[in-house]
C-alpha atoms as a PDB file:
ATOM      1  CA  UNK A   1     103.383 101.626  51.275  1.00  0.00           C
ATOM      2  CA  UNK A   2     107.037 101.753  50.845  1.00  0.00           C
ATOM      3  CA  UNK A   3     108.566  99.608  47.961  1.00  0.00           C
ATOM      4  CA  UNK A   4     110.792  96.716  48.807  1.00  0.00           C
ATOM      5  CA  UNK A   5     114.646  97.670  48.415  1.00  0.00           C
ATOM      6  CA  UNK A   6     116.326  96.134  45.396  1.00  0.00           C
ATOM      7  CA  UNK A   7     119.660  95.719  47.036  1.00  0.00           C
ATOM      8  CA  UNK A   8     120.674  95.333  50.710  1.00  0.00           C
ATOM      9  CA  UNK A   9     124.192  96.032  52.368  1.00  0.00           C
ATOM     10  CA  UNK A  10     124.770  94.508  55.664  1.00  0.00           C
ATOM     11  CA  UNK A  11     127.720  96.656  57.491  1.00  0.00           C
ATOM     12  CA  UNK A  12     129.549  96.540  60.932  1.00  0.00           C
ATOM     13  CA  UNK A  13     132.125  98.603  62.523  1.00  0.00           C
ATOM     14  CA  UNK A  14     134.827  96.745  64.380  1.00  0.00           C
ATOM     15  CA  UNK A  15     138.080  96.948  66.210  1.00  0.00           C
ATOM     16  CA  UNK A  16     139.532  93.744  67.697  1.00  0.00           C
ATOM     17  CA  UNK A  17     136.823  91.046  68.671  1.00  0.00           C
ATOM     18  CA  UNK A  18     137.918  88.801  65.489  1.00  0.00           C
ATOM     19  CA  UNK A  19     136.228  85.823  66.719  1.00  0.00           C
ATOM     20  CA  UNK A  20     132.937  87.787  67.060  1.00  0.00           C
ATOM     21  CA  UNK A  21     133.384  89.115  63.590  1.00  0.00           C
ATOM     22  CA  UNK A  22     133.653  85.660  62.389  1.00  0.00           C
ATOM     23  CA  UNK A  23     130.651  84.519  64.019  1.00  0.00           C
ATOM     24  CA  UNK A  24     128.814  87.343  62.724  1.00  0.00           C
ATOM     25  CA  UNK A  25     129.725  86.246  59.276  1.00  0.00           C
ATOM     26  CA  UNK A  26     128.818  82.614  59.768  1.00  0.00           C
ATOM     27  CA  UNK A  27     125.422  83.810  60.432  1.00  0.00           C
ATOM     28  CA  UNK A  28     125.398  85.840  57.382  1.00  0.00           C
ATOM     29  CA  UNK A  29     126.442  82.943  55.360  1.00  0.00           C
ATOM     30  CA  UNK A  30     123.356  81.145  56.416  1.00  0.00           C
ATOM     31  CA  UNK A  31     120.729  83.867  55.850  1.00  0.00           C
ATOM     32  CA  UNK A  32     117.561  82.948  53.931  1.00  0.00           C
ATOM     33  CA  UNK A  33     117.716  86.116  51.850  1.00  0.00           C
ATOM     34  CA  UNK A  34     121.259  86.769  51.232  1.00  0.00           C
ATOM     35  CA  UNK A  35     122.510  90.457  51.121  1.00  0.00           C
ATOM     36  CA  UNK A  36     124.352  92.039  48.171  1.00  0.00           C
ATOM     37  CA  UNK A  37     127.350  92.913  50.161  1.00  0.00           C
ATOM     38  CA  UNK A  38     129.062  92.926  53.541  1.00  0.00           C
ATOM     39  CA  UNK A  39     131.110  95.792  54.374  1.00  0.00           C
ATOM     40  CA  UNK A  40     133.375  96.031  57.404  1.00  0.00           C
ATOM     41  CA  UNK A  41     134.818  99.377  58.820  1.00  0.00           C
ATOM     42  CA  UNK A  42     138.041  98.404  60.890  1.00  0.00           C
ATOM     43  CA  UNK A  43     139.095 100.527  63.588  1.00  0.00           C
ATOM     44  CA  UNK A  44     142.568  99.109  63.843  1.00  0.00           C
ATOM     45  CA  UNK A  45     146.076  99.347  62.198  1.00  0.00           C
ATOM     46  CA  UNK A  46     145.564  96.476  59.885  1.00  0.00           C
ATOM     47  CA  UNK A  47     142.240  94.637  58.050  1.00  0.00           C
ATOM     48  CA  UNK A  48     141.113  91.287  59.516  1.00  0.00           C
ATOM     49  CA  UNK A  49     142.576  88.280  57.982  1.00  0.00           C
ATOM     50  CA  UNK A  50     141.296  84.566  57.993  1.00  0.00           C
ATOM     51  CA  UNK A  51     137.723  85.481  57.789  1.00  0.00           C
ATOM     52  CA  UNK A  52     135.233  83.086  56.669  1.00  0.00           C
ATOM     53  CA  UNK A  53     134.284  82.992  53.020  1.00  0.00           C
ATOM     54  CA  UNK A  54     130.703  84.373  52.053  1.00  0.00           C
ATOM     55  CA  UNK A  55     128.681  83.651  48.883  1.00  0.00           C
ATOM     56  CA  UNK A  56     128.555  87.432  48.303  1.00  0.00           C
ATOM     57  CA  UNK A  57     131.074  90.281  48.144  1.00  0.00           C
ATOM     58  CA  UNK A  58     133.097  91.147  51.627  1.00  0.00           C
ATOM     59  CA  UNK A  59     134.991  94.732  51.808  1.00  0.00           C
ATOM     60  CA  UNK A  60     137.109  95.999  54.448  1.00  0.00           C
ATOM     61  CA  UNK A  61     137.477 100.037  54.777  1.00  0.00           C
ATOM     62  CA  UNK A  62     139.713 101.333  57.497  1.00  0.00           C
ATOM     63  CA  UNK A  63     138.345 104.283  59.859  1.00  0.00           C
ATOM     64  CA  UNK A  64     141.291 105.705  61.925  1.00  0.00           C
ATOM     65  CA  UNK A  65     141.049 107.569  65.179  1.00  0.00           C
ATOM     66  CA  UNK A  66     141.168 107.226  68.989  1.00  0.00           C
ATOM     67  CA  UNK A  67     139.107 106.790  70.942  1.00  0.00           C
ATOM     68  CA  UNK A  68     137.149 104.658  68.725  1.00  0.00           C
ATOM     69  CA  UNK A  69     135.721 106.854  65.976  1.00  0.00           C
ATOM     70  CA  UNK A  70     132.131 105.080  66.258  1.00  0.00           C
ATOM     71  CA  UNK A  71     130.275 107.978  64.596  1.00  0.00           C
ATOM     72  CA  UNK A  72     132.824 108.309  61.898  1.00  0.00           C
ATOM     73  CA  UNK A  73     132.883 104.722  61.223  1.00  0.00           C
ATOM     74  CA  UNK A  74     129.086 104.523  60.597  1.00  0.00           C
ATOM     75  CA  UNK A  75     128.844 107.461  58.237  1.00  0.00           C
ATOM     76  CA  UNK A  76     131.857 105.746  56.234  1.00  0.00           C
ATOM     77  CA  UNK A  77     129.943 102.486  56.048  1.00  0.00           C
ATOM     78  CA  UNK A  78     126.749 104.136  54.551  1.00  0.00           C
ATOM     79  CA  UNK A  79     129.147 106.203  52.002  1.00  0.00           C
ATOM     80  CA  UNK A  80     131.136 102.980  51.273  1.00  0.00           C
ATOM     81  CA  UNK A  81     128.187 100.518  50.937  1.00  0.00           C
ATOM     82  CA  UNK A  82     126.012 100.121  47.714  1.00  0.00           C
ATOM     83  CA  UNK A  83     122.820  98.902  48.912  1.00  0.00           C
ATOM     84  CA  UNK A  84     119.352 100.498  49.041  1.00  0.00           C
ATOM     85  CA  UNK A  85     118.794  99.371  52.450  1.00  0.00           C
ATOM     86  CA  UNK A  86     121.450  99.653  54.888  1.00  0.00           C
ATOM     87  CA  UNK A  87     121.462  96.946  57.805  1.00  0.00           C
ATOM     88  CA  UNK A  88     123.744  97.694  60.651  1.00  0.00           C
ATOM     89  CA  UNK A  89     124.883  95.037  63.161  1.00  0.00           C
ATOM     90  CA  UNK A  90     127.467  95.519  65.767  1.00  0.00           C
ATOM     91  CA  UNK A  91     130.345  93.192  65.579  1.00  0.00           C
ATOM     92  CA  UNK A  92     129.329  91.361  68.585  1.00  0.00           C
ATOM     93  CA  UNK A  93     126.011  90.317  67.024  1.00  0.00           C
ATOM     94  CA  UNK A  94     125.194  87.048  65.368  1.00  0.00           C
ATOM     95  CA  UNK A  95     122.245  87.519  62.838  1.00  0.00           C
ATOM     96  CA  UNK A  96     119.459  84.860  62.993  1.00  0.00           C
ATOM     97  CA  UNK A  97     118.684  83.251  59.612  1.00  0.00           C
ATOM     98  CA  UNK A  98     115.917  85.499  58.660  1.00  0.00           C
ATOM     99  CA  UNK A  99     117.360  88.750  59.899  1.00  0.00           C
ATOM    100  CA  UNK A 100     117.816  90.207  56.412  1.00  0.00           C
ATOM    101  CA  UNK A 101     114.811  88.572  54.963  1.00  0.00           C
ATOM    102  CA  UNK A 102     112.743  90.295  57.758  1.00  0.00           C
ATOM    103  CA  UNK A 103     114.349  93.597  57.252  1.00  0.00           C
ATOM    104  CA  UNK A 104     113.716  93.449  53.388  1.00  0.00           C
ATOM    105  CA  UNK A 105     109.922  92.604  54.178  1.00  0.00           C
ATOM    106  CA  UNK A 106     109.528  95.365  56.760  1.00  0.00           C
ATOM    107  CA  UNK A 107     111.396  97.955  54.464  1.00  0.00           C
ATOM    108  CA  UNK A 108     108.581  97.163  51.883  1.00  0.00           C
ATOM    109  CA  UNK A 109     105.932  98.158  54.378  1.00  0.00           C
ATOM    110  CA  UNK A 110     107.535 101.466  55.590  1.00  0.00           C
ATOM    111  CA  UNK A 111     110.383 103.791  54.805  1.00  0.00           C
ATOM    112  CA  UNK A 112     111.032 104.073  58.742  1.00  0.00           C
ATOM    113  CA  UNK A 113     114.202 103.349  60.360  1.00  0.00           C
ATOM    114  CA  UNK A 114     113.815  99.640  61.503  1.00  0.00           C
ATOM    115  CA  UNK A 115     114.942  98.296  64.862  1.00  0.00           C
ATOM    116  CA  UNK A 116     115.402  94.452  64.912  1.00  0.00           C
ATOM    117  CA  UNK A 117     115.071  92.405  68.317  1.00  0.00           C
ATOM    118  CA  UNK A 118     118.324  91.325  70.256  1.00  0.00           C
ATOM    119  CA  UNK A 119     118.682  88.394  72.224  1.00  0.00           C
ATOM    120  CA  UNK A 120     121.594  88.385  75.027  1.00  0.00           C
ATOM    121  CA  UNK A 121     124.032  85.515  75.584  1.00  0.00           C
ATOM    122  CA  UNK A 122     126.014  84.250  78.425  1.00  0.00           C
ATOM    123  CA  UNK A 123     129.742  83.321  77.800  1.00  0.00           C
ATOM    124  CA  UNK A 124     130.273  80.197  75.805  1.00  0.00           C
ATOM    125  CA  UNK A 125     127.028  80.203  73.897  1.00  0.00           C
ATOM    126  CA  UNK A 126     129.058  81.441  70.921  1.00  0.00           C
ATOM    127  CA  UNK A 127     131.731  78.631  71.266  1.00  0.00           C
ATOM    128  CA  UNK A 128     133.144  76.881  68.132  1.00  0.00           C
ATOM    129  CA  UNK A 129     130.260  74.538  66.706  1.00  0.00           C
ATOM    130  CA  UNK A 130     127.304  76.822  67.935  1.00  0.00           C
ATOM    131  CA  UNK A 131     123.952  76.122  66.393  1.00  0.00           C
ATOM    132  CA  UNK A 132     121.189  78.766  66.000  1.00  0.00           C
ATOM    133  CA  UNK A 133     119.171  76.117  68.125  1.00  0.00           C
ATOM    134  CA  UNK A 134     121.622  76.550  70.859  1.00  0.00           C
ATOM    135  CA  UNK A 135     121.640  80.339  70.524  1.00  0.00           C
ATOM    136  CA  UNK A 136     117.744  80.585  70.512  1.00  0.00           C
ATOM    137  CA  UNK A 137     117.856  78.449  73.791  1.00  0.00           C
ATOM    138  CA  UNK A 138     120.382  80.624  75.533  1.00  0.00           C
ATOM    139  CA  UNK A 139     119.302  84.039  74.368  1.00  0.00           C
ATOM    140  CA  UNK A 140     117.555  86.274  76.876  1.00  0.00           C
ATOM    141  CA  UNK A 141     115.468  89.290  75.926  1.00  0.00           C
ATOM    142  CA  UNK A 142     116.493  92.586  77.425  1.00  0.00           C
ATOM    143  CA  UNK A 143     114.006  94.196  80.069  1.00  0.00           C
ATOM    144  CA  UNK A 144     114.455  97.444  78.409  1.00  0.00           C
ATOM    145  CA  UNK A 145     113.697  96.444  75.048  1.00  0.00           C
ATOM    146  CA  UNK A 146     110.213  95.691  73.054  1.00  0.00           C
ATOM    147  CA  UNK A 147     109.514  92.107  71.542  1.00  0.00           C
ATOM    148  CA  UNK A 148     106.808  91.156  69.357  1.00  0.00           C
ATOM    149  CA  UNK A 149     107.782  87.802  68.386  1.00  0.00           C
ATOM    150  CA  UNK A 150     106.270  87.559  65.091  1.00  0.00           C
ATOM    151  CA  UNK A 151     106.907  89.363  61.869  1.00  0.00           C
ATOM    152  CA  UNK A 152     105.423  92.691  62.108  1.00  0.00           C
ATOM    153  CA  UNK A 153     106.040  96.300  62.176  1.00  0.00           C
ATOM    154  CA  UNK A 154     105.031  98.730  64.751  1.00  0.00           C
ATOM    155  CA  UNK A 155     105.487 102.455  64.605  1.00  0.00           C
ATOM    156  CA  UNK A 156     107.701 103.776  67.667  1.00  0.00           C
ATOM    157  CA  UNK A 157     107.356 107.443  68.930  1.00  0.00           C
ATOM    158  CA  UNK A 158     109.872 107.462  71.676  1.00  0.00           C
ATOM    159  CA  UNK A 159     113.306 108.218  69.904  1.00  0.00           C
ATOM    160  CA  UNK A 160     115.134 107.477  73.144  1.00  0.00           C
ATOM    161  CA  UNK A 161     114.248 103.660  72.206  1.00  0.00           C
ATOM    162  CA  UNK A 162     116.749 103.796  69.511  1.00  0.00           C
ATOM    163  CA  UNK A 163     119.790 101.529  69.822  1.00  0.00           C
ATOM    164  CA  UNK A 164     122.526 101.234  67.296  1.00  0.00           C
ATOM    165  CA  UNK A 165     123.597  97.647  67.506  1.00  0.00           C
ATOM    166  CA  UNK A 166     120.842  96.168  65.306  1.00  0.00           C
ATOM    167  CA  UNK A 167     118.954  98.317  62.901  1.00  0.00           C
ATOM    168  CA  UNK A 168     118.230  98.972  59.219  1.00  0.00           C
ATOM    169  CA  UNK A 169     117.526 102.051  57.434  1.00  0.00           C
ATOM    170  CA  UNK A 170     116.856 103.088  53.712  1.00  0.00           C
ATOM    171  CA  UNK A 171     119.687 105.001  52.197  1.00  0.00           C
ATOM    172  CA  UNK A 172     117.568 107.924  51.378  1.00  0.00           C
ATOM    173  CA  UNK A 173     116.497 108.269  55.006  1.00  0.00           C
ATOM    174  CA  UNK A 174     120.047 107.967  56.324  1.00  0.00           C
ATOM    175  CA  UNK A 175     120.952 110.787  53.830  1.00  0.00           C
ATOM    176  CA  UNK A 176     117.982 112.843  55.209  1.00  0.00           C
ATOM    177  CA  UNK A 177     119.001 112.453  58.844  1.00  0.00           C
ATOM    178  CA  UNK A 178     122.533 113.973  57.984  1.00  0.00           C
ATOM    179  CA  UNK A 179     124.212 111.053  59.531  1.00  0.00           C
ATOM    180  CA  UNK A 180     126.070 110.519  62.912  1.00  0.00           C
ATOM    181  CA  UNK A 181     127.845 113.679  64.450  1.00  0.00           C
ATOM    182  CA  UNK A 182     131.511 112.836  64.016  1.00  0.00           C
ATOM    183  CA  UNK A 183     132.391 115.103  66.903  1.00  0.00           C
ATOM    184  CA  UNK A 184     131.263 112.271  69.193  1.00  0.00           C
ATOM    185  CA  UNK A 185     134.137 109.949  69.817  1.00  0.00           C
ATOM    186  CA  UNK A 186     134.445 106.958  72.016  1.00  0.00           C
ATOM    187  CA  UNK A 187     131.605 105.289  73.694  1.00  0.00           C
ATOM    188  CA  UNK A 188     128.293 106.940  74.590  1.00  0.00           C
ATOM    189  CA  UNK A 189     125.766 109.532  73.239  1.00  0.00           C
ATOM    190  CA  UNK A 190     126.352 109.117  69.476  1.00  0.00           C
ATOM    191  CA  UNK A 191     123.450 106.952  69.045  1.00  0.00           C
ATOM    192  CA  UNK A 192     121.321 109.137  71.233  1.00  0.00           C
ATOM    193  CA  UNK A 193     122.113 112.182  69.212  1.00  0.00           C
ATOM    194  CA  UNK A 194     121.596 110.413  65.883  1.00  0.00           C
ATOM    195  CA  UNK A 195     117.938 109.623  67.004  1.00  0.00           C
ATOM    196  CA  UNK A 196     117.510 113.303  67.963  1.00  0.00           C
ATOM    197  CA  UNK A 197     118.526 114.206  64.369  1.00  0.00           C
ATOM    198  CA  UNK A 198     115.972 111.615  63.026  1.00  0.00           C
ATOM    199  CA  UNK A 199     113.226 113.363  64.928  1.00  0.00           C
ATOM    200  CA  UNK A 200     114.358 116.765  63.899  1.00  0.00           C
ATOM    201  CA  UNK A 201     114.284 115.608  60.120  1.00  0.00           C
ATOM    202  CA  UNK A 202     111.079 113.721  60.312  1.00  0.00           C
ATOM    203  CA  UNK A 203     112.381 110.229  59.767  1.00  0.00           C
ATOM    204  CA  UNK A 204     110.162 107.786  61.665  1.00  0.00           C
ATOM    205  CA  UNK A 205     111.228 104.826  63.692  1.00  0.00           C
ATOM    206  CA  UNK A 206     109.619 101.478  63.882  1.00  0.00           C
ATOM    207  CA  UNK A 207     110.094  98.322  65.768  1.00  0.00           C
ATOM    208  CA  UNK A 208     110.381  94.997  63.746  1.00  0.00           C
ATOM    209  CA  UNK A 209     109.134  91.665  65.106  1.00  0.00           C
ATOM    210  CA  UNK A 210     111.964  89.381  64.080  1.00  0.00           C
ATOM    211  CA  UNK A 211     115.137  90.857  62.332  1.00  0.00           C
ATOM    212  CA  UNK A 212     116.575  89.002  65.180  1.00  0.00           C
ATOM    213  CA  UNK A 213     120.148  88.783  66.439  1.00  0.00           C
ATOM    214  CA  UNK A 214     122.009  87.222  69.430  1.00  0.00           C
ATOM    215  CA  UNK A 215     124.521  89.582  71.240  1.00  0.00           C
ATOM    216  CA  UNK A 216     127.594  87.648  72.120  1.00  0.00           C
ATOM    217  CA  UNK A 217     128.947  88.032  75.620  1.00  0.00           C
ATOM    218  CA  UNK A 218     132.226  90.136  76.079  1.00  0.00           C
ATOM    219  CA  UNK A 219     133.929  91.508  79.388  1.00  0.00           C
ATOM    220  CA  UNK A 220     131.703  94.650  80.136  1.00  0.00           C
ATOM    221  CA  UNK A 221     130.966  97.106  82.713  1.00  0.00           C
ATOM    222  CA  UNK A 222     127.586  98.988  83.545  1.00  0.00           C
ATOM    223  CA  UNK A 223     127.480 101.633  84.257  1.00  0.00           C
ATOM    224  CA  UNK A 224     130.625 101.733  81.646  1.00  0.00           C
ATOM    225  CA  UNK A 225     133.307 102.731  84.055  1.00  0.00           C
ATOM    226  CA  UNK A 226     135.552 101.332  81.139  1.00  0.00           C
ATOM    227  CA  UNK A 227     134.587 104.345  79.068  1.00  0.00           C
ATOM    228  CA  UNK A 228     134.418 106.947  81.986  1.00  0.00           C
ATOM    229  CA  UNK A 229     136.302 109.594  80.150  1.00  0.00           C
ATOM    230  CA  UNK A 230     134.446 109.593  76.992  1.00  0.00           C
ATOM    231  CA  UNK A 231     130.813 109.092  78.557  1.00  0.00           C
ATOM    232  CA  UNK A 232     131.550 112.174  80.540  1.00  0.00           C
ATOM    233  CA  UNK A 233     132.832 114.071  77.467  1.00  0.00           C
ATOM    234  CA  UNK A 234     130.132 113.131  75.134  1.00  0.00           C
ATOM    235  CA  UNK A 235     127.452 113.747  77.747  1.00  0.00           C
ATOM    236  CA  UNK A 236     128.628 117.500  77.974  1.00  0.00           C
ATOM    237  CA  UNK A 237     129.013 117.662  74.356  1.00  0.00           C
ATOM    238  CA  UNK A 238     125.299 116.526  73.864  1.00  0.00           C
ATOM    239  CA  UNK A 239     124.345 119.362  76.440  1.00  0.00           C
ATOM    240  CA  UNK A 240     126.163 121.825  74.414  1.00  0.00           C
ATOM    241  CA  UNK A 241     124.334 120.813  71.347  1.00  0.00           C
ATOM    242  CA  UNK A 242     120.904 120.039  72.604  1.00  0.00           C
ATOM    243  CA  UNK A 243     120.375 121.989  75.891  1.00  0.00           C
ATOM    244  CA  UNK A 244     120.047 118.757  78.128  1.00  0.00           C
ATOM    245  CA  UNK A 245     122.187 115.741  78.707  1.00  0.00           C
ATOM    246  CA  UNK A 246     121.790 112.206  77.917  1.00  0.00           C
ATOM    247  CA  UNK A 247     123.000 109.001  79.661  1.00  0.00           C
ATOM    248  CA  UNK A 248     121.580 110.139  82.817  1.00  0.00           C
ATOM    249  CA  UNK A 249     121.480 106.395  84.493  1.00  0.00           C
ATOM    250  CA  UNK A 250     125.159 106.285  83.936  1.00  0.00           C
ATOM    251  CA  UNK A 251     125.991 109.589  85.225  1.00  0.00           C
ATOM    252  CA  UNK A 252     123.765 109.035  88.218  1.00  0.00           C
ATOM    253  CA  UNK A 253     125.441 105.804  88.955  1.00  0.00           C
ATOM    254  CA  UNK A 254     128.859 107.470  88.560  1.00  0.00           C
ATOM    255  CA  UNK A 255     127.543 110.097  91.044  1.00  0.00           C
ATOM    256  CA  UNK A 256     126.676 107.510  93.541  1.00  0.00           C
ATOM    257  CA  UNK A 257     130.147 105.991  93.104  1.00  0.00           C
ATOM    258  CA  UNK A 258     131.802 109.292  94.041  1.00  0.00           C
ATOM    259  CA  UNK A 259     133.254 109.614  90.563  1.00  0.00           C
ATOM    260  CA  UNK A 260     131.689 112.920  89.447  1.00  0.00           C
ATOM    261  CA  UNK A 261     129.348 115.682  90.807  1.00  0.00           C
ATOM    262  CA  UNK A 262     126.911 118.146  89.138  1.00  0.00           C
ATOM    263  CA  UNK A 263     127.572 121.963  89.259  1.00  0.00           C
ATOM    264  CA  UNK A 264     126.317 124.981  87.446  1.00  0.00           C
ATOM    265  CA  UNK A 265     129.227 125.001  85.192  1.00  0.00           C
ATOM    266  CA  UNK A 266     128.825 121.361  84.227  1.00  0.00           C
ATOM    267  CA  UNK A 267     129.961 117.875  85.334  1.00  0.00           C
ATOM    268  CA  UNK A 268     132.897 117.933  87.721  1.00  0.00           C
ATOM    269  CA  UNK A 269     135.272 114.845  87.837  1.00  0.00           C
ATOM    270  CA  UNK A 270     136.096 113.914  91.384  1.00  0.00           C
ATOM    271  CA  UNK A 271     138.294 110.971  90.558  1.00  0.00           C
ATOM    272  CA  UNK A 272     138.544 108.309  87.891  1.00  0.00           C
ATOM    273  CA  UNK A 273     137.280 104.923  88.164  1.00  0.00           C
ATOM    274  CA  UNK A 274     139.607 102.437  90.254  1.00  0.00           C
ATOM    275  CA  UNK A 275     139.836  98.656  90.615  1.00  0.00           C
ATOM    276  CA  UNK A 276     137.152  98.831  93.138  1.00  0.00           C
ATOM    277  CA  UNK A 277     134.812 100.655  90.834  1.00  0.00           C
ATOM    278  CA  UNK A 278     135.508  98.021  88.110  1.00  0.00           C
ATOM    279  CA  UNK A 279     134.861  95.461  90.341  1.00  0.00           C
ATOM    280  CA  UNK A 280     131.249  96.708  91.147  1.00  0.00           C
ATOM    281  CA  UNK A 281     130.565  97.437  87.795  1.00  0.00           C
ATOM    282  CA  UNK A 282     131.635  94.274  86.186  1.00  0.00           C
ATOM    283  CA  UNK A 283     128.996  92.281  84.217  1.00  0.00           C
ATOM    284  CA  UNK A 284     130.018  88.444  84.866  1.00  0.00           C
ATOM    285  CA  UNK A 285     130.032  85.904  82.401  1.00  0.00           C
ATOM    286  CA  UNK A 286     126.838  84.389  83.455  1.00  0.00           C
ATOM    287  CA  UNK A 287     124.773  87.538  83.183  1.00  0.00           C
ATOM    288  CA  UNK A 288     123.524  87.928  79.532  1.00  0.00           C
ATOM    289  CA  UNK A 289     123.371  91.818  80.205  1.00  0.00           C
ATOM    290  CA  UNK A 290     123.276  94.186  83.144  1.00  0.00           C
ATOM    291  CA  UNK A 291     122.615  97.810  83.605  1.00  0.00           C
ATOM    292  CA  UNK A 292     123.532 100.633  85.982  1.00  0.00           C
ATOM    293  CA  UNK A 293     120.427 100.212  88.432  1.00  0.00           C
ATOM    294  CA  UNK A 294     122.337  97.041  89.757  1.00  0.00           C
ATOM    295  CA  UNK A 295     125.306  99.593  90.920  1.00  0.00           C
ATOM    296  CA  UNK A 296     122.601 102.208  92.230  1.00  0.00           C
ATOM    297  CA  UNK A 297     120.753  99.626  94.109  1.00  0.00           C
ATOM    298  CA  UNK A 298     123.934  98.453  95.818  1.00  0.00           C
ATOM    299  CA  UNK A 299     124.638 102.016  96.854  1.00  0.00           C
ATOM    300  CA  UNK A 300     120.752 102.256  98.134  1.00  0.00           C
ATOM    301  CA  UNK A 301     121.223  98.981 100.291  1.00  0.00           C
ATOM    302  CA  UNK A 302     124.194 100.257 101.954  1.00  0.00           C
ATOM    303  CA  UNK A 303     122.355 103.654 102.557  1.00  0.00           C
ATOM    304  CA  UNK A 304     119.251 101.976 103.767  1.00  0.00           C
ATOM    305  CA  UNK A 305     117.296 104.209 101.221  1.00  0.00           C
ATOM    306  CA  UNK A 306     115.470 103.407  97.944  1.00  0.00           C
ATOM    307  CA  UNK A 307     116.499 105.728  94.903  1.00  0.00           C
ATOM    308  CA  UNK A 308     113.601 107.581  93.043  1.00  0.00           C
ATOM    309  CA  UNK A 309     114.609 107.580  89.389  1.00  0.00           C
ATOM    310  CA  UNK A 310     113.479 111.025  89.255  1.00  0.00           C
ATOM    311  CA  UNK A 311     116.907 111.743  91.096  1.00  0.00           C
ATOM    312  CA  UNK A 312     118.686 110.893  88.005  1.00  0.00           C
ATOM    313  CA  UNK A 313     117.260 114.494  86.721  1.00  0.00           C
ATOM    314  CA  UNK A 314     120.023 116.199  88.538  1.00  0.00           C
ATOM    315  CA  UNK A 315     121.946 115.020  85.594  1.00  0.00           C
ATOM    316  CA  UNK A 316     118.978 115.620  82.920  1.00  0.00           C
ATOM    317  CA  UNK A 317     116.538 117.915  82.142  1.00  0.00           C
ATOM    318  CA  UNK A 318     114.942 115.773  79.025  1.00  0.00           C
ATOM    319  CA  UNK A 319     112.290 117.414  77.143  1.00  0.00           C
ATOM    320  CA  UNK A 320     110.117 115.191  75.088  1.00  0.00           C
ATOM    321  CA  UNK A 321     110.997 114.639  71.227  1.00  0.00           C
END
């Protein structure tokens, strides 16, 4: 059995979304097990101001670059943080009161990378004066995630299940992984690439029952037409590195939207997203979350067909991990 960590750093990367960050920090202030520090990698010109006071140290470190240097920021956080256990939370996540306690307990059971639970909120659920009872009532489970509903640890052999918005990893295992590949910039594939490195280097994954957070609503598109350029670029970089692509559902949706086509030479951009594409892919405020299948089904209905998910394979030849 692994030994419980002696220290814990909670870390986040952020650009804009100051109100989301404040709510995250309000959640940290109410943890049943207080972390030793909170470190923010800010991807903007100036550090955040007017943040809530916390009963433990808070530090900010700048990570410059455009598009958003997500991979670089996560690596910077690992270097800057002092804890034996690193708890990564995206800036739009509010941690439930036992999130840190659950991760500390789980880290005492296994040295795996630990994946906590995420519940998704509709617009307004995080309004000033929110309560955990209100978040719990509003929060919805994601249909593509795994939830146990009790404090437990379950090994995960499918490295494609890794999402980076709520996870914890022992520092030694992060070092063993080699960290995130900083060639991935902007949105998309940097976390899938990281999970591939975890598999290659023998770092195990596990789901945690608990370690819960609440994902705050923000304007979003799925497929992510607002990140079209970086998704296409990162998909091709991933293929150059590993011999196959990732984000196949998004790429297939872009194909059905008439934005791209496949070719022996790689992805060909036919046109960039227009207003009609943004309107179609928009996640409305009453949707806790959405996925690209909704857009694929829209085109299926127009064509009077039913797509077979295997058709996504035109953009992917995925081996087993």
